[in-house]
Amino acid sequence: MRRILLLATGGTIASKESGQGLSPAITSEEILSYVPAVGELCRMEAVQLMNLDSTNVGPSHWLKIAAAIREHYEDYDGFVITHGTDTMAYTAAALSYLIQDSPKPIVITGSQKSICLDDTDARRNLFQSVLYAADRQSHDVSLVFDGRVILGTRARKERSKSFNAFSSVDYPEIAVIRDRKLIRYLAPRAYSYGAEPVFYDSLEDKVLLLTLIPGMGAEALGLLKDSYQAVILQSFGVGGLPGGGSGPLAQAMSEWLEAGKTIVMMTQVPYEGSDMSVYQVGQQVKEKFPLIEAYNMTLEAAAAKLMWVLGQTREPEQVRELFYRPVQCDLIR
């Protein structure tokens, strides 16, 4: 029987009422006790890494999760991480970059209601995650939620309360789980016997996200230049910059680049990605500045990948090369 390790990090799945709102309080062992049926699937053990609302989870915690998986990698056949839903897609993306080419599955899940409630989605999500992790054809980082299996670089939370909270953005779900049966839509990646993952242990967290709105000036971009190593600019439609290549925002971008900082342009439209070559306001900017375009990456993947890339190098050409190197289908051009 395969061995699966549960790594608990908190979130709604582990929450109880504190008198001031829900707060994570249920331990990893207690979580397992609510779903005894996982014992039919595998030998399950648990470790409590942290017990945080996922609003408080960030790059230092991603590194801690990756380090725990690295520490236990040889002892288990797969890993299930319970996590809050609010930043789960960011964590899934970050782990996809911190643990690459893993022949063993690393599955992230959680719930919209606490596992201790009668009408919760937690017990089903946890059972399905273990079912997927225990399957011998499962590999790499994925998110399992409401019967869907989504690549770690393609997940996004789109609903704040509904059980079907997560979608796979611009990429098919790799599998679904129905009536305790795993149905694969995409053939799993083949790994040779003895293949080992590549672990990374550094991230640069000084990454800024700036979402443009009509009429917005360039003052914020200029003021924040010295505080960050990179900025992700979310613009409109398929991609453009107000004022094109000669406006105030373009001037602020020039100052960022002259200071050796990285700029990533992407659309704030949820689906189908960007193409800055379509309109003059985008083409001018892309031709004038050595910026990076995120195309059809999710925001979560773009942010996590930029943190990972800058954790490896600050040299502009190497940053560009690493960012454009596809990892787990995060970028399709």
C-alpha atoms as a PDB file:
ATOM      1  CA  MET A   1       0.000   0.000   0.000  1.00  0.00           C
ATOM      2  CA  ARG A   2       1.332   3.437  -0.940  1.00  0.00           C
ATOM      3  CA  ARG A   3       2.401   5.926   1.723  1.00  0.00           C
ATOM      4  CA  ILE A   4       1.042   9.470   1.602  1.00  0.00           C
ATOM      5  CA  LEU A   5       2.074  12.326   3.891  1.00  0.00           C
ATOM      6  CA  LEU A   6      -0.441  15.002   4.865  1.00  0.00           C
ATOM      7  CA  LEU A   7       1.106  18.434   5.464  1.00  0.00           C
ATOM      8  CA  ALA A   8      -1.372  20.682   7.269  1.00  0.00           C
ATOM      9  CA  THR A   9      -1.000  24.463   7.019  1.00  0.00           C
ATOM     10  CA  GLY A  10      -4.329  25.722   8.368  1.00  0.00           C
ATOM     11  CA  GLY A  11      -7.084  27.418   6.370  1.00  0.00           C
ATOM     12  CA  THR A  12     -10.852  27.091   6.504  1.00  0.00           C
ATOM     13  CA  ILE A  13     -10.635  23.304   6.439  1.00  0.00           C
ATOM     14  CA  ALA A  14      -8.987  23.488   9.888  1.00  0.00           C
ATOM     15  CA  SER A  15     -11.004  26.381  11.315  1.00  0.00           C
ATOM     16  CA  LYS A  16     -13.227  26.768  14.336  1.00  0.00           C
ATOM     17  CA  GLU A  17     -15.211  29.734  15.599  1.00  0.00           C
ATOM     18  CA  SER A  18     -12.981  31.842  17.856  1.00  0.00           C
ATOM     19  CA  GLY A  19     -15.542  34.403  19.003  1.00  0.00           C
ATOM     20  CA  GLN A  20     -14.014  36.891  16.549  1.00  0.00           C
ATOM     21  CA  GLY A  21     -14.573  34.916  13.377  1.00  0.00           C
ATOM     22  CA  LEU A  22     -13.194  31.655  12.056  1.00  0.00           C
ATOM     23  CA  SER A  23      -9.580  30.830  12.850  1.00  0.00           C
ATOM     24  CA  PRO A  24      -7.467  27.706  12.148  1.00  0.00           C
ATOM     25  CA  ALA A  25      -7.409  25.484  15.234  1.00  0.00           C
ATOM     26  CA  ILE A  26      -7.879  21.854  14.094  1.00  0.00           C
ATOM     27  CA  THR A  27      -4.691  19.759  13.958  1.00  0.00           C
ATOM     28  CA  SER A  28      -3.485  17.533  11.148  1.00  0.00           C
ATOM     29  CA  GLU A  29      -4.330  14.371  13.113  1.00  0.00           C
ATOM     30  CA  GLU A  30      -7.840  15.664  13.811  1.00  0.00           C
ATOM     31  CA  ILE A  31      -8.319  16.444  10.112  1.00  0.00           C
ATOM     32  CA  LEU A  32      -7.463  12.849   9.225  1.00  0.00           C
ATOM     33  CA  SER A  33      -9.832  11.526  11.862  1.00  0.00           C
ATOM     34  CA  TYR A  34     -12.783  13.096  10.016  1.00  0.00           C
ATOM     35  CA  VAL A  35     -12.040  11.040   6.864  1.00  0.00           C
ATOM     36  CA  PRO A  36     -11.282   7.471   8.015  1.00  0.00           C
ATOM     37  CA  ALA A  37     -12.022   6.174   4.498  1.00  0.00           C
ATOM     38  CA  VAL A  38      -8.583   7.354   3.326  1.00  0.00           C
ATOM     39  CA  GLY A  39      -7.229   4.313   5.150  1.00  0.00           C
ATOM     40  CA  GLU A  40      -8.708   2.202   2.352  1.00  0.00           C
ATOM     41  CA  LEU A  41      -6.565   4.068  -0.191  1.00  0.00           C
ATOM     42  CA  CYS A  42      -3.127   4.252   1.398  1.00  0.00           C
ATOM     43  CA  ARG A  43      -1.104   4.443   4.582  1.00  0.00           C
ATOM     44  CA  MET A  44      -1.514   8.009   5.754  1.00  0.00           C
ATOM     45  CA  GLU A  45       0.633  10.027   8.150  1.00  0.00           C
ATOM     46  CA  ALA A  46       0.407  13.684   9.073  1.00  0.00           C
ATOM     47  CA  VAL A  47       2.635  16.618   9.965  1.00  0.00           C
ATOM     48  CA  GLN A  48       1.459  20.004  11.234  1.00  0.00           C
ATOM     49  CA  LEU A  49       3.643  22.558   9.446  1.00  0.00           C
ATOM     50  CA  MET A  50       1.696  25.638  10.527  1.00  0.00           C
ATOM     51  CA  ASN A  51      -1.885  26.608  11.316  1.00  0.00           C
ATOM     52  CA  LEU A  52      -2.532  29.865   9.483  1.00  0.00           C
ATOM     53  CA  ASP A  53      -5.328  31.630   7.729  1.00  0.00           C
ATOM     54  CA  SER A  54      -4.051  31.556   4.141  1.00  0.00           C
ATOM     55  CA  THR A  55      -4.318  35.340   3.976  1.00  0.00           C
ATOM     56  CA  ASN A  56      -1.157  35.228   6.090  1.00  0.00           C
ATOM     57  CA  VAL A  57       0.670  32.677   3.912  1.00  0.00           C
ATOM     58  CA  GLY A  58       3.456  34.044   1.707  1.00  0.00           C
ATOM     59  CA  PRO A  59       6.855  33.269   0.173  1.00  0.00           C
ATOM     60  CA  SER A  60       8.541  32.272   3.431  1.00  0.00           C
ATOM     61  CA  HIS A  61       5.804  29.685   4.020  1.00  0.00           C
ATOM     62  CA  TRP A  62       6.077  28.371   0.438  1.00  0.00           C
ATOM     63  CA  LEU A  63       9.752  27.744   1.094  1.00  0.00           C
ATOM     64  CA  LYS A  64       8.891  25.981   4.355  1.00  0.00           C
ATOM     65  CA  ILE A  65       6.395  23.683   2.588  1.00  0.00           C
ATOM     66  CA  ALA A  66       8.896  22.884  -0.165  1.00  0.00           C
ATOM     67  CA  ALA A  67      11.592  22.166   2.409  1.00  0.00           C
ATOM     68  CA  ALA A  68       9.284  19.777   4.289  1.00  0.00           C
ATOM     69  CA  ILE A  69       8.504  17.880   1.099  1.00  0.00           C
ATOM     70  CA  ARG A  70      12.202  17.709   0.281  1.00  0.00           C
ATOM     71  CA  GLU A  71      12.960  16.373   3.781  1.00  0.00           C
ATOM     72  CA  HIS A  72      10.362  13.592   3.475  1.00  0.00           C
ATOM     73  CA  TYR A  73      10.532  12.987  -0.264  1.00  0.00           C
ATOM     74  CA  GLU A  74      12.262   9.599  -0.124  1.00  0.00           C
ATOM     75  CA  ASP A  75       9.961   8.261   2.600  1.00  0.00           C
ATOM     76  CA  TYR A  76       6.579   8.725   0.892  1.00  0.00           C
ATOM     77  CA  ASP A  77       4.918   8.065  -2.448  1.00  0.00           C
ATOM     78  CA  GLY A  78       3.003  11.329  -2.515  1.00  0.00           C
ATOM     79  CA  PHE A  79       2.011  14.421  -0.561  1.00  0.00           C
ATOM     80  CA  VAL A  80      -1.276  16.170   0.242  1.00  0.00           C
ATOM     81  CA  ILE A  81      -1.216  19.724   1.564  1.00  0.00           C
ATOM     82  CA  THR A  82      -4.280  21.169   3.292  1.00  0.00           C
ATOM     83  CA  HIS A  83      -4.419  24.927   2.826  1.00  0.00           C
ATOM     84  CA  GLY A  84      -6.753  27.899   2.945  1.00  0.00           C
ATOM     85  CA  THR A  85      -8.452  28.726  -0.331  1.00  0.00           C
ATOM     86  CA  ASP A  86      -7.725  32.460  -0.491  1.00  0.00           C
ATOM     87  CA  THR A  87      -4.056  32.090  -1.490  1.00  0.00           C
ATOM     88  CA  MET A  88      -4.106  28.414  -2.462  1.00  0.00           C
ATOM     89  CA  ALA A  89      -3.567  29.146  -6.169  1.00  0.00           C
ATOM     90  CA  TYR A  90      -0.483  31.213  -5.333  1.00  0.00           C
ATOM     91  CA  THR A  91       0.935  28.390  -3.225  1.00  0.00           C
ATOM     92  CA  ALA A  92       0.174  25.830  -5.928  1.00  0.00           C
ATOM     93  CA  ALA A  93       1.998  27.960  -8.490  1.00  0.00           C
ATOM     94  CA  ALA A  94       4.935  28.637  -6.176  1.00  0.00           C
ATOM     95  CA  LEU A  95       5.412  24.940  -5.400  1.00  0.00           C
ATOM     96  CA  SER A  96       5.329  24.217  -9.144  1.00  0.00           C
ATOM     97  CA  TYR A  97       8.485  26.346  -9.462  1.00  0.00           C
ATOM     98  CA  LEU A  98      10.155  25.314  -6.206  1.00  0.00           C
ATOM     99  CA  ILE A  99       9.688  21.565  -6.906  1.00  0.00           C
ATOM    100  CA  GLN A 100      10.056  20.853 -10.621  1.00  0.00           C
ATOM    101  CA  ASP A 101       9.811  17.550 -12.481  1.00  0.00           C
ATOM    102  CA  SER A 102       8.473  15.571  -9.530  1.00  0.00           C
ATOM    103  CA  PRO A 103       7.635  11.930 -10.341  1.00  0.00           C
ATOM    104  CA  LYS A 104       5.655  11.881  -7.089  1.00  0.00           C
ATOM    105  CA  PRO A 105       2.372  13.805  -6.751  1.00  0.00           C
ATOM    106  CA  ILE A 106       2.152  16.949  -4.641  1.00  0.00           C
ATOM    107  CA  VAL A 107      -1.535  17.783  -4.166  1.00  0.00           C
ATOM    108  CA  ILE A 108      -3.011  20.916  -2.607  1.00  0.00           C
ATOM    109  CA  THR A 109      -6.571  21.051  -1.313  1.00  0.00           C
ATOM    110  CA  GLY A 110      -8.813  22.779   1.177  1.00  0.00           C
ATOM    111  CA  SER A 111     -12.461  23.672   1.561  1.00  0.00           C
ATOM    112  CA  GLN A 112     -15.018  26.439   1.730  1.00  0.00           C
ATOM    113  CA  LYS A 113     -16.347  25.164   5.069  1.00  0.00           C
ATOM    114  CA  SER A 114     -14.621  23.682   8.096  1.00  0.00           C
ATOM    115  CA  ILE A 115     -14.150  19.932   8.212  1.00  0.00           C
ATOM    116  CA  CYS A 116     -15.993  19.804  11.536  1.00  0.00           C
ATOM    117  CA  LEU A 117     -19.313  20.993  10.015  1.00  0.00           C
ATOM    118  CA  ASP A 118     -22.023  18.624   8.776  1.00  0.00           C
ATOM    119  CA  ASP A 119     -22.533  20.376   5.423  1.00  0.00           C
ATOM    120  CA  THR A 120     -18.845  20.799   4.628  1.00  0.00           C
ATOM    121  CA  ASP A 121     -17.063  20.148   1.352  1.00  0.00           C
ATOM    122  CA  ALA A 122     -13.846  19.414   3.256  1.00  0.00           C
ATOM    123  CA  ARG A 123     -14.216  15.664   3.735  1.00  0.00           C
ATOM    124  CA  ARG A 124     -14.935  15.062   0.056  1.00  0.00           C
ATOM    125  CA  ASN A 125     -12.070  17.303  -1.090  1.00  0.00           C
ATOM    126  CA  LEU A 126      -9.607  15.598   1.238  1.00  0.00           C
ATOM    127  CA  PHE A 127     -10.699  12.101   0.215  1.00  0.00           C
ATOM    128  CA  GLN A 128     -10.454  12.976  -3.476  1.00  0.00           C
ATOM    129  CA  SER A 129      -7.021  14.528  -2.986  1.00  0.00           C
ATOM    130  CA  VAL A 130      -5.729  11.387  -1.321  1.00  0.00           C
ATOM    131  CA  LEU A 131      -7.344   9.266  -4.041  1.00  0.00           C
ATOM    132  CA  TYR A 132      -5.465  11.256  -6.673  1.00  0.00           C
ATOM    133  CA  ALA A 133      -2.185  11.283  -4.719  1.00  0.00           C
ATOM    134  CA  ALA A 134      -2.328   7.510  -4.204  1.00  0.00           C
ATOM    135  CA  ASP A 135      -2.714   6.797  -7.921  1.00  0.00           C
ATOM    136  CA  ARG A 136       0.535   5.583  -9.472  1.00  0.00           C
ATOM    137  CA  GLN A 137       0.075   7.730 -12.576  1.00  0.00           C
ATOM    138  CA  SER A 138      -0.115  11.011 -10.656  1.00  0.00           C
ATOM    139  CA  HIS A 139       2.886  13.331 -10.763  1.00  0.00           C
ATOM    140  CA  ASP A 140       3.974  16.938 -10.212  1.00  0.00           C
ATOM    141  CA  VAL A 141       2.047  19.712  -8.434  1.00  0.00           C
ATOM    142  CA  SER A 142      -1.726  19.910  -8.757  1.00  0.00           C
ATOM    143  CA  LEU A 143      -4.769  21.323  -6.994  1.00  0.00           C
ATOM    144  CA  VAL A 144      -7.752  19.058  -6.272  1.00  0.00           C
ATOM    145  CA  PHE A 145     -11.036  20.729  -5.424  1.00  0.00           C
ATOM    146  CA  ASP A 146     -14.711  19.847  -5.968  1.00  0.00           C
ATOM    147  CA  GLY A 147     -13.841  16.837  -8.101  1.00  0.00           C
ATOM    148  CA  ARG A 148     -11.474  18.741 -10.393  1.00  0.00           C
ATOM    149  CA  VAL A 149      -7.747  18.140 -10.800  1.00  0.00           C
ATOM    150  CA  ILE A 150      -5.965  21.296 -11.985  1.00  0.00           C
ATOM    151  CA  LEU A 151      -2.310  21.878 -12.780  1.00  0.00           C
ATOM    152  CA  GLY A 152      -0.617  23.938 -10.092  1.00  0.00           C
ATOM    153  CA  THR A 153       0.274  26.691 -12.563  1.00  0.00           C
ATOM    154  CA  ARG A 154      -3.238  26.947 -14.015  1.00  0.00           C
ATOM    155  CA  ALA A 155      -5.491  27.226 -10.952  1.00  0.00           C
ATOM    156  CA  ARG A 156      -7.428  30.303  -9.915  1.00  0.00           C
ATOM    157  CA  LYS A 157     -10.023  30.908  -7.217  1.00  0.00           C
ATOM    158  CA  GLU A 158     -13.042  32.460  -8.938  1.00  0.00           C
ATOM    159  CA  ARG A 159     -15.809  32.109  -6.344  1.00  0.00           C
ATOM    160  CA  SER A 160     -15.580  33.229  -2.749  1.00  0.00           C
ATOM    161  CA  LYS A 161     -18.269  30.948  -1.243  1.00  0.00           C
ATOM    162  CA  SER A 162     -19.364  28.229  -3.680  1.00  0.00           C
ATOM    163  CA  PHE A 163     -17.934  24.732  -3.461  1.00  0.00           C
ATOM    164  CA  ASN A 164     -16.787  24.906  -7.102  1.00  0.00           C
ATOM    165  CA  ALA A 165     -14.420  27.724  -6.199  1.00  0.00           C
ATOM    166  CA  PHE A 166     -11.501  26.919  -8.517  1.00  0.00           C
ATOM    167  CA  SER A 167     -11.131  26.884 -12.285  1.00  0.00           C
ATOM    168  CA  SER A 168      -8.382  25.843 -14.654  1.00  0.00           C
ATOM    169  CA  VAL A 169      -7.531  28.962 -16.656  1.00  0.00           C
ATOM    170  CA  ASP A 170      -6.820  28.600 -20.388  1.00  0.00           C
ATOM    171  CA  TYR A 171      -5.869  24.950 -19.949  1.00  0.00           C
ATOM    172  CA  PRO A 172      -7.958  21.783 -19.549  1.00  0.00           C
ATOM    173  CA  GLU A 173      -8.527  20.165 -16.193  1.00  0.00           C
ATOM    174  CA  ILE A 174      -6.153  17.213 -16.200  1.00  0.00           C
ATOM    175  CA  ALA A 175      -8.696  14.897 -14.549  1.00  0.00           C
ATOM    176  CA  VAL A 176     -11.981  14.725 -12.675  1.00  0.00           C
ATOM    177  CA  ILE A 177     -13.093  12.485  -9.829  1.00  0.00           C
ATOM    178  CA  ARG A 178     -16.624  11.078  -9.936  1.00  0.00           C
ATOM    179  CA  ASP A 179     -18.069   8.446  -7.609  1.00  0.00           C
ATOM    180  CA  ARG A 180     -14.595   7.708  -6.246  1.00  0.00           C
ATOM    181  CA  LYS A 181     -13.290   7.090  -9.755  1.00  0.00           C
ATOM    182  CA  LEU A 182     -10.402   9.034 -11.256  1.00  0.00           C
ATOM    183  CA  ILE A 183     -11.067   9.949 -14.888  1.00  0.00           C
ATOM    184  CA  ARG A 184      -8.061  11.425 -16.681  1.00  0.00           C
ATOM    185  CA  TYR A 185      -8.608  13.874 -19.523  1.00  0.00           C
ATOM    186  CA  LEU A 186      -4.909  14.280 -20.294  1.00  0.00           C
ATOM    187  CA  ALA A 187      -2.296  11.538 -20.422  1.00  0.00           C
ATOM    188  CA  PRO A 188       0.047  11.808 -17.443  1.00  0.00           C
ATOM    189  CA  ARG A 189       3.646  12.739 -18.021  1.00  0.00           C
ATOM    190  CA  ALA A 190       5.957   9.725 -18.225  1.00  0.00           C
ATOM    191  CA  TYR A 191       8.898   9.576 -15.832  1.00  0.00           C
ATOM    192  CA  SER A 192      11.766   7.128 -16.090  1.00  0.00           C
ATOM    193  CA  TYR A 193      12.525   4.851 -13.149  1.00  0.00           C
ATOM    194  CA  GLY A 194      14.615   6.611 -10.526  1.00  0.00           C
ATOM    195  CA  ALA A 195      13.825  10.131 -11.775  1.00  0.00           C
ATOM    196  CA  GLU A 196      14.395  12.816  -9.162  1.00  0.00           C
ATOM    197  CA  PRO A 197      12.772  16.244  -8.799  1.00  0.00           C
ATOM    198  CA  VAL A 198      14.670  19.522  -8.864  1.00  0.00           C
ATOM    199  CA  PHE A 199      14.229  21.512  -5.646  1.00  0.00           C
ATOM    200  CA  TYR A 200      14.853  25.254  -5.276  1.00  0.00           C
ATOM    201  CA  ASP A 201      15.195  27.141  -2.018  1.00  0.00           C
ATOM    202  CA  SER A 202      15.201  30.849  -2.853  1.00  0.00           C
ATOM    203  CA  LEU A 203      12.549  33.405  -3.785  1.00  0.00           C
ATOM    204  CA  GLU A 204      12.587  37.188  -4.183  1.00  0.00           C
ATOM    205  CA  ASP A 205       9.501  38.582  -2.500  1.00  0.00           C
ATOM    206  CA  LYS A 206       9.973  42.231  -3.524  1.00  0.00           C
ATOM    207  CA  VAL A 207       7.539  41.958  -6.412  1.00  0.00           C
ATOM    208  CA  LEU A 208       4.848  44.605  -6.888  1.00  0.00           C
ATOM    209  CA  LEU A 209       1.496  44.229  -8.627  1.00  0.00           C
ATOM    210  CA  LEU A 210      -0.031  47.386 -10.076  1.00  0.00           C
ATOM    211  CA  THR A 211      -3.440  47.137 -11.742  1.00  0.00           C
ATOM    212  CA  LEU A 212      -4.186  50.033 -14.071  1.00  0.00           C
ATOM    213  CA  ILE A 213      -7.532  51.817 -14.138  1.00  0.00           C
ATOM    214  CA  PRO A 214      -8.633  54.494 -16.623  1.00  0.00           C
ATOM    215  CA  GLY A 215      -7.117  57.889 -15.812  1.00  0.00           C
ATOM    216  CA  MET A 216      -4.470  56.489 -13.494  1.00  0.00           C
ATOM    217  CA  GLY A 217      -1.234  58.471 -13.353  1.00  0.00           C
ATOM    218  CA  ALA A 218       2.376  57.303 -13.104  1.00  0.00           C
ATOM    219  CA  GLU A 219       3.153  58.691  -9.645  1.00  0.00           C
ATOM    220  CA  ALA A 220       2.761  55.398  -7.761  1.00  0.00           C
ATOM    221  CA  LEU A 221       5.065  53.571 -10.159  1.00  0.00           C
ATOM    222  CA  GLY A 222       7.736  56.204  -9.728  1.00  0.00           C
ATOM    223  CA  LEU A 223       7.495  56.344  -5.941  1.00  0.00           C
ATOM    224  CA  LEU A 224       7.733  52.578  -5.473  1.00  0.00           C
ATOM    225  CA  LYS A 225      10.741  51.970  -7.731  1.00  0.00           C
ATOM    226  CA  ASP A 226      13.301  51.846  -4.923  1.00  0.00           C
ATOM    227  CA  SER A 227      11.234  49.451  -2.805  1.00  0.00           C
ATOM    228  CA  TYR A 228      10.800  46.598  -5.306  1.00  0.00           C
ATOM    229  CA  GLN A 229      12.879  44.500  -7.661  1.00  0.00           C
ATOM    230  CA  ALA A 230      10.068  43.952 -10.169  1.00  0.00           C
ATOM    231  CA  VAL A 231       6.593  45.110 -11.048  1.00  0.00           C
ATOM    232  CA  ILE A 232       3.740  43.299 -12.753  1.00  0.00           C
ATOM    233  CA  LEU A 233       1.598  45.808 -14.634  1.00  0.00           C
ATOM    234  CA  GLN A 234      -1.925  44.584 -15.289  1.00  0.00           C
ATOM    235  CA  SER A 235      -3.297  46.558 -18.192  1.00  0.00           C
ATOM    236  CA  PHE A 236      -6.417  46.347 -20.348  1.00  0.00           C
ATOM    237  CA  GLY A 237      -7.610  43.897 -23.006  1.00  0.00           C
ATOM    238  CA  VAL A 238      -4.914  42.216 -25.061  1.00  0.00           C
ATOM    239  CA  GLY A 239      -2.357  44.643 -23.673  1.00  0.00           C
ATOM    240  CA  GLY A 240      -1.511  48.310 -23.984  1.00  0.00           C
ATOM    241  CA  LEU A 241      -0.272  51.235 -21.945  1.00  0.00           C
ATOM    242  CA  PRO A 242      -2.151  54.552 -21.614  1.00  0.00           C
ATOM    243  CA  GLY A 243      -0.091  57.087 -23.556  1.00  0.00           C
ATOM    244  CA  GLY A 244       1.647  54.374 -25.537  1.00  0.00           C
ATOM    245  CA  GLY A 245       5.438  54.563 -25.704  1.00  0.00           C
ATOM    246  CA  SER A 246       5.715  58.271 -24.879  1.00  0.00           C
ATOM    247  CA  GLY A 247       3.328  58.909 -21.986  1.00  0.00           C
ATOM    248  CA  PRO A 248       4.062  59.341 -18.255  1.00  0.00           C
ATOM    249  CA  LEU A 249       3.673  55.630 -17.566  1.00  0.00           C
ATOM    250  CA  ALA A 250       6.214  54.824 -20.278  1.00  0.00           C
ATOM    251  CA  GLN A 251       8.642  57.309 -18.720  1.00  0.00           C
ATOM    252  CA  ALA A 252       8.192  55.670 -15.311  1.00  0.00           C
ATOM    253  CA  MET A 253       8.792  52.266 -16.891  1.00  0.00           C
ATOM    254  CA  SER A 254      12.005  53.572 -18.444  1.00  0.00           C
ATOM    255  CA  GLU A 255      13.251  54.646 -15.024  1.00  0.00           C
ATOM    256  CA  TRP A 256      12.513  51.187 -13.596  1.00  0.00           C
ATOM    257  CA  LEU A 257      14.420  49.470 -16.377  1.00  0.00           C
ATOM    258  CA  GLU A 258      17.369  51.877 -16.148  1.00  0.00           C
ATOM    259  CA  ALA A 259      17.581  50.962 -12.446  1.00  0.00           C
ATOM    260  CA  GLY A 260      17.956  47.288 -13.405  1.00  0.00           C
ATOM    261  CA  LYS A 261      14.432  46.328 -12.359  1.00  0.00           C
ATOM    262  CA  THR A 262      12.111  43.877 -14.157  1.00  0.00           C
ATOM    263  CA  ILE A 263       8.743  44.756 -15.680  1.00  0.00           C
ATOM    264  CA  VAL A 264       6.137  42.141 -16.598  1.00  0.00           C
ATOM    265  CA  MET A 265       3.093  43.205 -18.587  1.00  0.00           C
ATOM    266  CA  MET A 266      -0.115  41.189 -18.484  1.00  0.00           C
ATOM    267  CA  THR A 267      -3.834  41.646 -18.957  1.00  0.00           C
ATOM    268  CA  GLN A 268      -6.363  41.987 -16.156  1.00  0.00           C
ATOM    269  CA  VAL A 269      -8.860  40.056 -18.314  1.00  0.00           C
ATOM    270  CA  PRO A 270      -9.216  36.600 -16.690  1.00  0.00           C
ATOM    271  CA  TYR A 271      -9.073  34.459 -19.831  1.00  0.00           C
ATOM    272  CA  GLU A 272      -7.251  34.227 -23.185  1.00  0.00           C
ATOM    273  CA  GLY A 273      -4.192  36.267 -22.259  1.00  0.00           C
ATOM    274  CA  SER A 274      -2.420  39.215 -23.838  1.00  0.00           C
ATOM    275  CA  ASP A 275      -0.892  40.077 -27.214  1.00  0.00           C
ATOM    276  CA  MET A 276       0.705  43.504 -27.068  1.00  0.00           C
ATOM    277  CA  SER A 277       1.455  43.483 -30.797  1.00  0.00           C
ATOM    278  CA  VAL A 278      -2.214  43.965 -31.745  1.00  0.00           C
ATOM    279  CA  TYR A 279      -2.717  47.657 -30.934  1.00  0.00           C
ATOM    280  CA  GLN A 280      -0.406  50.638 -31.282  1.00  0.00           C
ATOM    281  CA  VAL A 281      -0.578  51.434 -27.560  1.00  0.00           C
ATOM    282  CA  GLY A 282       0.903  48.003 -26.866  1.00  0.00           C
ATOM    283  CA  GLN A 283       3.193  47.532 -29.841  1.00  0.00           C
ATOM    284  CA  GLN A 284       4.964  50.865 -29.265  1.00  0.00           C
ATOM    285  CA  VAL A 285       5.743  49.942 -25.667  1.00  0.00           C
ATOM    286  CA  LYS A 286       6.906  46.433 -26.449  1.00  0.00           C
ATOM    287  CA  GLU A 287       9.206  47.634 -29.236  1.00  0.00           C
ATOM    288  CA  LYS A 288      10.669  50.451 -27.138  1.00  0.00           C
ATOM    289  CA  PHE A 289      11.280  48.651 -23.828  1.00  0.00           C
ATOM    290  CA  PRO A 290      12.809  45.246 -22.927  1.00  0.00           C
ATOM    291  CA  LEU A 291       9.831  44.253 -20.839  1.00  0.00           C
ATOM    292  CA  ILE A 292       8.437  40.733 -20.376  1.00  0.00           C
ATOM    293  CA  GLU A 293       4.933  39.813 -21.521  1.00  0.00           C
ATOM    294  CA  ALA A 294       3.057  37.173 -19.517  1.00  0.00           C
ATOM    295  CA  TYR A 295       0.746  36.203 -22.405  1.00  0.00           C
ATOM    296  CA  ASN A 296      -1.752  33.602 -21.080  1.00  0.00           C
ATOM    297  CA  MET A 297      -0.182  32.978 -17.670  1.00  0.00           C
ATOM    298  CA  THR A 298      -2.402  33.380 -14.640  1.00  0.00           C
ATOM    299  CA  LEU A 299      -1.571  36.224 -12.291  1.00  0.00           C
ATOM    300  CA  GLU A 300      -0.760  33.686  -9.581  1.00  0.00           C
ATOM    301  CA  ALA A 301       1.705  31.858 -11.826  1.00  0.00           C
ATOM    302  CA  ALA A 302       3.277  35.060 -13.159  1.00  0.00           C
ATOM    303  CA  ALA A 303       3.846  36.433  -9.660  1.00  0.00           C
ATOM    304  CA  ALA A 304       5.224  33.175  -8.261  1.00  0.00           C
ATOM    305  CA  LYS A 305       7.423  32.569 -11.310  1.00  0.00           C
ATOM    306  CA  LEU A 306       8.846  36.081 -11.144  1.00  0.00           C
ATOM    307  CA  MET A 307       9.709  35.545  -7.467  1.00  0.00           C
ATOM    308  CA  TRP A 308      11.358  32.238  -8.357  1.00  0.00           C
ATOM    309  CA  VAL A 309      13.288  33.661 -11.329  1.00  0.00           C
ATOM    310  CA  LEU A 310      14.604  36.632  -9.347  1.00  0.00           C
ATOM    311  CA  GLY A 311      15.591  34.233  -6.583  1.00  0.00           C
ATOM    312  CA  GLN A 312      17.978  32.620  -9.085  1.00  0.00           C
ATOM    313  CA  THR A 313      19.312  35.653 -11.000  1.00  0.00           C
ATOM    314  CA  ARG A 314      19.013  39.431 -11.458  1.00  0.00           C
ATOM    315  CA  GLU A 315      20.775  39.519 -14.847  1.00  0.00           C
ATOM    316  CA  PRO A 316      18.142  40.845 -17.310  1.00  0.00           C
ATOM    317  CA  GLU A 317      18.742  38.377 -20.140  1.00  0.00           C
ATOM    318  CA  GLN A 318      18.780  35.419 -17.749  1.00  0.00           C
ATOM    319  CA  VAL A 319      15.595  36.702 -16.096  1.00  0.00           C
ATOM    320  CA  ARG A 320      13.914  36.859 -19.500  1.00  0.00           C
ATOM    321  CA  GLU A 321      15.157  33.411 -20.504  1.00  0.00           C
ATOM    322  CA  LEU A 322      14.010  31.760 -17.263  1.00  0.00           C
ATOM    323  CA  PHE A 323      10.639  33.505 -17.275  1.00  0.00           C
ATOM    324  CA  TYR A 324       9.906  32.362 -20.826  1.00  0.00           C
ATOM    325  CA  ARG A 325      11.020  28.795 -20.160  1.00  0.00           C
ATOM    326  CA  PRO A 326       7.746  26.824 -19.727  1.00  0.00           C
ATOM    327  CA  VAL A 327       7.247  25.031 -16.420  1.00  0.00           C
ATOM    328  CA  GLN A 328       4.327  22.633 -16.098  1.00  0.00           C
ATOM    329  CA  CYS A 329       2.398  24.240 -18.979  1.00  0.00           C
ATOM    330  CA  ASP A 330       2.379  27.654 -17.294  1.00  0.00           C
ATOM    331  CA  LEU A 331       3.062  29.517 -20.553  1.00  0.00           C
ATOM    332  CA  ILE A 332       1.707  28.597 -23.983  1.00  0.00           C
ATOM    333  CA  ARG A 333       2.827  30.901 -26.820  1.00  0.00           C
END
